[in-house]
Amino acid sequence: MPPTTPSAPTPSTPRERYRAQVQQEVKQAALAQIADGGIDALSINAIAKTLGMSGPALYKYFRNRDDLLTALISDGYEDAAEAIRTAAHRTADRSPRDRLLALAHAFRDWAVAQPHRYLLLAGTPSATYEAPDHTAESARAVLGPFIAVLSAGSPWPAAEPLYDEVRAWIASTPEVATWAAAYAPVADPVPALAATVLAWTRTHGIVSLEVQGSYKGMGHDPATLLTLDIGALADAVGLPSST
């Protein structure tokens, strides 16, 4: 079975449980701030005041604002990955084409239901923020089910320039091949990885425009646009439409 995103160890002592509880309360307060005023509204001091703490006391739980942002981003990826895994399991008996559409729509549903969390993943939290390396692993958990489905497709000659880039990516980042093999143990993962990049790009593009309100007044249903765009990709890579 494909790997799942590892969860945090269950706190075993009263002190650890209390710390985990406070961290969760801090994250919920932070998300409420972001939902109300965007990422710029995130304030450690304001969170501390909301929770009846001092600013310095809160730094015992998160080193700084960026540390808190990283926790929120990791949680967001894990939550999105769970939504996509659920869709993958729910549609396991359907055709690869239908499954791909289900995965894309599962991500859209997750994003539009909580746009403030989506923007944490899709945007830049601050000009100086740099995501730690481990967030890349969290992002791969979101993409893994796409690889599994798209491995049922075939090479797409028009995408050869992207294939070259994916080969270079694998050569420079060996863990990418290991990650792909966990979801799609095929002889050549390049076509599935390239198609996954394209599916992710198309999904993100449509969802980002929707979350930003760019479709307002145009009369377009973003769900229809997503179905058409991802469906066109499925056709281009020869994804079977029957089981």
Foldseek 3Di string as FASTA:
>chain_A
DFDADDDDDDDDDPVSVVLVVVLVQLLVLQLVQCLVPNLVSRDLQVSCVVVVHHSVVVCVNAVDPLSSLLVLLLVLLNVLLVLLVVLCVVCVPFFLLVSLLSSLVSSLVSCVVRVSSVCSNVHDSDPPHDHDPVSVVSNLSSLLLQLLSLVQFAAFVVCVVLLVVVVVVCVVPVVVVVNSCSRPVDPDSSRSVSLSVVLVVQSCVLSVCVSVVVCPPVPDDSSVVNSVVSSVSCVSRHGDRGD
